[in-house]
């Protein structure tokens, strides 16, 4: 499981011109799943993100988690995180989980974040989405449950 984590001051996902997910201050997540991922990967990733201290405290140091900072999460499925572009010019997506496997795992990940007390908005799985965000910092991290 790979997740690109971006601290943001706002983020929104639209599908066919309709807003389907929107947050203010918080984290924008691009979520990629592979066929080897398990519930253990999902739990590990959700726990890591919920506790990740990348928000500034009153002293200006990154000491607060998204929950402590009062932020929300916008989670967007992103199979292209498993694109392999080492050969040729067209990426190979064979490592990405098939939709019938990925969608329930993606939903489980989002529900695990909600169970941790976070407000989670989402994009629409499998849809062509437009994503807009104002990156705060910028602070961007790439997390991989296998590393």
C-alpha atoms as a PDB file:
ATOM      1  CA  UNK A   1       0.000   0.000   0.000  1.00  0.00           C
ATOM      2  CA  UNK A   2       1.348   3.389  -0.998  1.00  0.00           C
ATOM      3  CA  UNK A   3      -0.029   6.736   0.095  1.00  0.00           C
ATOM      4  CA  UNK A   4       1.078  10.204  -0.920  1.00  0.00           C
ATOM      5  CA  UNK A   5       0.308  12.449   2.056  1.00  0.00           C
ATOM      6  CA  UNK A   6       0.005  16.186   1.447  1.00  0.00           C
ATOM      7  CA  UNK A   7      -0.654  18.690   4.209  1.00  0.00           C
ATOM      8  CA  UNK A   8      -3.161  21.171   2.831  1.00  0.00           C
ATOM      9  CA  UNK A   9      -5.127  24.250   3.699  1.00  0.00           C
ATOM     10  CA  UNK A  10      -7.905  23.083   1.345  1.00  0.00           C
ATOM     11  CA  UNK A  11      -8.613  20.296  -1.132  1.00  0.00           C
ATOM     12  CA  UNK A  12     -11.530  19.256  -3.325  1.00  0.00           C
ATOM     13  CA  UNK A  13     -12.432  16.463  -5.733  1.00  0.00           C
ATOM     14  CA  UNK A  14     -14.927  16.953  -8.531  1.00  0.00           C
ATOM     15  CA  UNK A  15     -16.468  14.414 -10.901  1.00  0.00           C
ATOM     16  CA  UNK A  16     -18.227  15.741 -13.992  1.00  0.00           C
ATOM     17  CA  UNK A  17     -18.218  19.237 -12.480  1.00  0.00           C
ATOM     18  CA  UNK A  18     -19.848  18.065  -9.213  1.00  0.00           C
ATOM     19  CA  UNK A  19     -17.986  18.363  -5.909  1.00  0.00           C
ATOM     20  CA  UNK A  20     -17.875  14.897  -4.316  1.00  0.00           C
ATOM     21  CA  UNK A  21     -15.374  15.582  -1.517  1.00  0.00           C
ATOM     22  CA  UNK A  22     -14.021  18.752   0.049  1.00  0.00           C
ATOM     23  CA  UNK A  23     -11.994  19.665   3.126  1.00  0.00           C
ATOM     24  CA  UNK A  24     -10.329  22.704   4.590  1.00  0.00           C
ATOM     25  CA  UNK A  25      -7.223  22.318   6.772  1.00  0.00           C
ATOM     26  CA  UNK A  26      -5.965  18.732   6.876  1.00  0.00           C
ATOM     27  CA  UNK A  27      -4.461  15.981   4.748  1.00  0.00           C
ATOM     28  CA  UNK A  28      -4.970  15.127   1.101  1.00  0.00           C
ATOM     29  CA  UNK A  29      -4.230  11.432   0.540  1.00  0.00           C
ATOM     30  CA  UNK A  30      -3.571   9.701  -2.785  1.00  0.00           C
ATOM     31  CA  UNK A  31      -4.101   6.008  -1.979  1.00  0.00           C
ATOM     32  CA  UNK A  32      -2.637   3.164  -4.051  1.00  0.00           C
ATOM     33  CA  UNK A  33      -3.266  -0.516  -3.376  1.00  0.00           C
ATOM     34  CA  UNK A  34      -1.498  -3.575  -4.700  1.00  0.00           C
ATOM     35  CA  UNK A  35      -2.766  -7.160  -4.898  1.00  0.00           C
ATOM     36  CA  UNK A  36      -0.385  -8.141  -2.067  1.00  0.00           C
ATOM     37  CA  UNK A  37      -1.946  -5.735   0.470  1.00  0.00           C
ATOM     38  CA  UNK A  38      -3.786  -7.090   3.499  1.00  0.00           C
ATOM     39  CA  UNK A  39      -5.874  -5.780   6.373  1.00  0.00           C
ATOM     40  CA  UNK A  40      -2.608  -5.521   8.323  1.00  0.00           C
ATOM     41  CA  UNK A  41      -1.280  -3.065   5.708  1.00  0.00           C
ATOM     42  CA  UNK A  42      -4.498  -1.059   5.903  1.00  0.00           C
ATOM     43  CA  UNK A  43      -4.404  -0.885   9.711  1.00  0.00           C
ATOM     44  CA  UNK A  44      -0.693   0.017   9.732  1.00  0.00           C
ATOM     45  CA  UNK A  45      -1.181   2.796   7.175  1.00  0.00           C
ATOM     46  CA  UNK A  46      -4.266   4.260   8.858  1.00  0.00           C
ATOM     47  CA  UNK A  47      -2.505   4.269  12.234  1.00  0.00           C
ATOM     48  CA  UNK A  48       0.614   5.861  10.733  1.00  0.00           C
ATOM     49  CA  UNK A  49      -1.374   8.632   9.026  1.00  0.00           C
ATOM     50  CA  UNK A  50      -3.623   9.315  12.025  1.00  0.00           C
ATOM     51  CA  UNK A  51      -0.558   9.749  14.260  1.00  0.00           C
ATOM     52  CA  UNK A  52       1.812  11.419  11.798  1.00  0.00           C
ATOM     53  CA  UNK A  53       3.083  14.608  13.445  1.00  0.00           C
ATOM     54  CA  UNK A  54       3.358  17.010  10.507  1.00  0.00           C
ATOM     55  CA  UNK A  55       1.283  19.953  11.742  1.00  0.00           C
ATOM     56  CA  UNK A  56       2.864  22.867  13.555  1.00  0.00           C
ATOM     57  CA  UNK A  57       2.348  23.480  17.247  1.00  0.00           C
ATOM     58  CA  UNK A  58       2.290  26.914  18.897  1.00  0.00           C
ATOM     59  CA  UNK A  59       6.112  27.011  18.740  1.00  0.00           C
ATOM     60  CA  UNK A  60       6.087  26.412  14.971  1.00  0.00           C
ATOM     61  CA  UNK A  61       7.463  22.861  15.213  1.00  0.00           C
ATOM     62  CA  UNK A  62       5.861  19.886  13.463  1.00  0.00           C
ATOM     63  CA  UNK A  63       4.575  18.175  16.610  1.00  0.00           C
ATOM     64  CA  UNK A  64       0.841  17.722  15.989  1.00  0.00           C
ATOM     65  CA  UNK A  65      -1.111  14.998  14.225  1.00  0.00           C
ATOM     66  CA  UNK A  66      -4.039  15.789  11.935  1.00  0.00           C
ATOM     67  CA  UNK A  67      -6.435  14.964  14.768  1.00  0.00           C
ATOM     68  CA  UNK A  68      -4.592  17.173  17.279  1.00  0.00           C
ATOM     69  CA  UNK A  69      -4.516  20.006  14.708  1.00  0.00           C
ATOM     70  CA  UNK A  70      -8.286  19.695  14.134  1.00  0.00           C
ATOM     71  CA  UNK A  71      -7.837  18.734  10.485  1.00  0.00           C
ATOM     72  CA  UNK A  72      -9.812  16.527   8.132  1.00  0.00           C
ATOM     73  CA  UNK A  73      -8.797  14.025   5.462  1.00  0.00           C
ATOM     74  CA  UNK A  74      -9.594  13.882   1.761  1.00  0.00           C
ATOM     75  CA  UNK A  75      -8.794  10.377   0.502  1.00  0.00           C
ATOM     76  CA  UNK A  76      -8.571   9.700  -3.242  1.00  0.00           C
ATOM     77  CA  UNK A  77      -7.951   6.271  -4.784  1.00  0.00           C
ATOM     78  CA  UNK A  78      -4.926   6.374  -7.092  1.00  0.00           C
ATOM     79  CA  UNK A  79      -3.976   3.106  -8.830  1.00  0.00           C
ATOM     80  CA  UNK A  80      -1.303   4.935 -10.851  1.00  0.00           C
ATOM     81  CA  UNK A  81       0.935   4.970  -7.749  1.00  0.00           C
ATOM     82  CA  UNK A  82       1.749   1.404  -8.788  1.00  0.00           C
ATOM     83  CA  UNK A  83       2.672   2.380 -12.334  1.00  0.00           C
ATOM     84  CA  UNK A  84       5.969   0.929 -13.534  1.00  0.00           C
ATOM     85  CA  UNK A  85       7.599   3.137 -16.164  1.00  0.00           C
ATOM     86  CA  UNK A  86      11.054   1.540 -16.178  1.00  0.00           C
ATOM     87  CA  UNK A  87      10.591   0.057 -19.659  1.00  0.00           C
ATOM     88  CA  UNK A  88       9.162   1.799 -22.674  1.00  0.00           C
ATOM     89  CA  UNK A  89       7.079   4.935 -22.542  1.00  0.00           C
ATOM     90  CA  UNK A  90       3.730   3.580 -21.388  1.00  0.00           C
ATOM     91  CA  UNK A  91       3.477   2.671 -17.676  1.00  0.00           C
ATOM     92  CA  UNK A  92       2.554  -0.877 -16.707  1.00  0.00           C
ATOM     93  CA  UNK A  93      -0.046  -1.094 -13.928  1.00  0.00           C
ATOM     94  CA  UNK A  94       0.179  -4.843 -13.282  1.00  0.00           C
ATOM     95  CA  UNK A  95       1.196  -4.284  -9.635  1.00  0.00           C
ATOM     96  CA  UNK A  96      -1.984  -2.311  -8.871  1.00  0.00           C
ATOM     97  CA  UNK A  97      -4.813  -4.257  -7.281  1.00  0.00           C
ATOM     98  CA  UNK A  98      -7.744  -5.010  -9.589  1.00  0.00           C
ATOM     99  CA  UNK A  99     -10.795  -2.807  -8.878  1.00  0.00           C
ATOM    100  CA  UNK A 100     -12.835  -5.657  -7.374  1.00  0.00           C
ATOM    101  CA  UNK A 101     -10.057  -6.163  -4.792  1.00  0.00           C
ATOM    102  CA  UNK A 102      -8.952  -2.533  -4.404  1.00  0.00           C
ATOM    103  CA  UNK A 103     -12.336  -0.920  -3.768  1.00  0.00           C
ATOM    104  CA  UNK A 104     -13.188  -2.894  -0.593  1.00  0.00           C
ATOM    105  CA  UNK A 105      -9.646  -2.326   0.720  1.00  0.00           C
ATOM    106  CA  UNK A 106      -9.897   1.405  -0.020  1.00  0.00           C
ATOM    107  CA  UNK A 107     -13.238   1.578   1.813  1.00  0.00           C
ATOM    108  CA  UNK A 108     -11.755  -0.368   4.740  1.00  0.00           C
ATOM    109  CA  UNK A 109      -8.840   2.081   4.917  1.00  0.00           C
ATOM    110  CA  UNK A 110     -11.193   5.081   4.993  1.00  0.00           C
ATOM    111  CA  UNK A 111     -13.399   3.436   7.626  1.00  0.00           C
ATOM    112  CA  UNK A 112     -10.337   2.664   9.763  1.00  0.00           C
ATOM    113  CA  UNK A 113      -9.401   6.361   9.673  1.00  0.00           C
ATOM    114  CA  UNK A 114     -12.985   7.254  10.654  1.00  0.00           C
ATOM    115  CA  UNK A 115     -12.842   4.785  13.540  1.00  0.00           C
ATOM    116  CA  UNK A 116      -9.727   6.664  14.710  1.00  0.00           C
ATOM    117  CA  UNK A 117     -11.947   9.731  15.110  1.00  0.00           C
ATOM    118  CA  UNK A 118     -11.125  11.506  11.865  1.00  0.00           C
ATOM    119  CA  UNK A 119     -13.542  13.137   9.424  1.00  0.00           C
ATOM    120  CA  UNK A 120     -12.833  11.568   6.034  1.00  0.00           C
ATOM    121  CA  UNK A 121     -14.125  12.794   2.696  1.00  0.00           C
ATOM    122  CA  UNK A 122     -13.427  10.788  -0.457  1.00  0.00           C
ATOM    123  CA  UNK A 123     -13.335  10.974  -4.191  1.00  0.00           C
ATOM    124  CA  UNK A 124     -15.344   8.487  -6.253  1.00  0.00           C
ATOM    125  CA  UNK A 125     -13.614   5.150  -6.756  1.00  0.00           C
ATOM    126  CA  UNK A 126     -12.910   4.385 -10.414  1.00  0.00           C
ATOM    127  CA  UNK A 127     -14.158   7.748 -11.698  1.00  0.00           C
ATOM    128  CA  UNK A 128     -12.237  10.297 -13.724  1.00  0.00           C
ATOM    129  CA  UNK A 129     -11.641  12.917 -11.036  1.00  0.00           C
ATOM    130  CA  UNK A 130     -10.317  16.451 -10.924  1.00  0.00           C
ATOM    131  CA  UNK A 131      -8.375  17.121  -7.747  1.00  0.00           C
ATOM    132  CA  UNK A 132      -7.526  20.601  -6.516  1.00  0.00           C
ATOM    133  CA  UNK A 133      -5.475  21.355  -3.452  1.00  0.00           C
ATOM    134  CA  UNK A 134      -3.615  24.139  -1.774  1.00  0.00           C
ATOM    135  CA  UNK A 135      -0.523  22.415  -0.400  1.00  0.00           C
ATOM    136  CA  UNK A 136       0.421  23.845   2.998  1.00  0.00           C
ATOM    137  CA  UNK A 137       4.168  24.178   3.479  1.00  0.00           C
ATOM    138  CA  UNK A 138       4.481  22.410   1.131  1.00  0.00           C
ATOM    139  CA  UNK A 139       4.624  19.206   3.163  1.00  0.00           C
ATOM    140  CA  UNK A 140       4.448  16.027   1.077  1.00  0.00           C
ATOM    141  CA  UNK A 141       5.411  12.502   2.188  1.00  0.00           C
ATOM    142  CA  UNK A 142       5.265   9.135   0.466  1.00  0.00           C
ATOM    143  CA  UNK A 143       4.429   6.203   2.747  1.00  0.00           C
ATOM    144  CA  UNK A 144       4.739   2.546   1.759  1.00  0.00           C
ATOM    145  CA  UNK A 145       3.466  -0.218   4.037  1.00  0.00           C
ATOM    146  CA  UNK A 146       6.082  -2.611   2.653  1.00  0.00           C
ATOM    147  CA  UNK A 147       9.091  -0.416   3.489  1.00  0.00           C
END
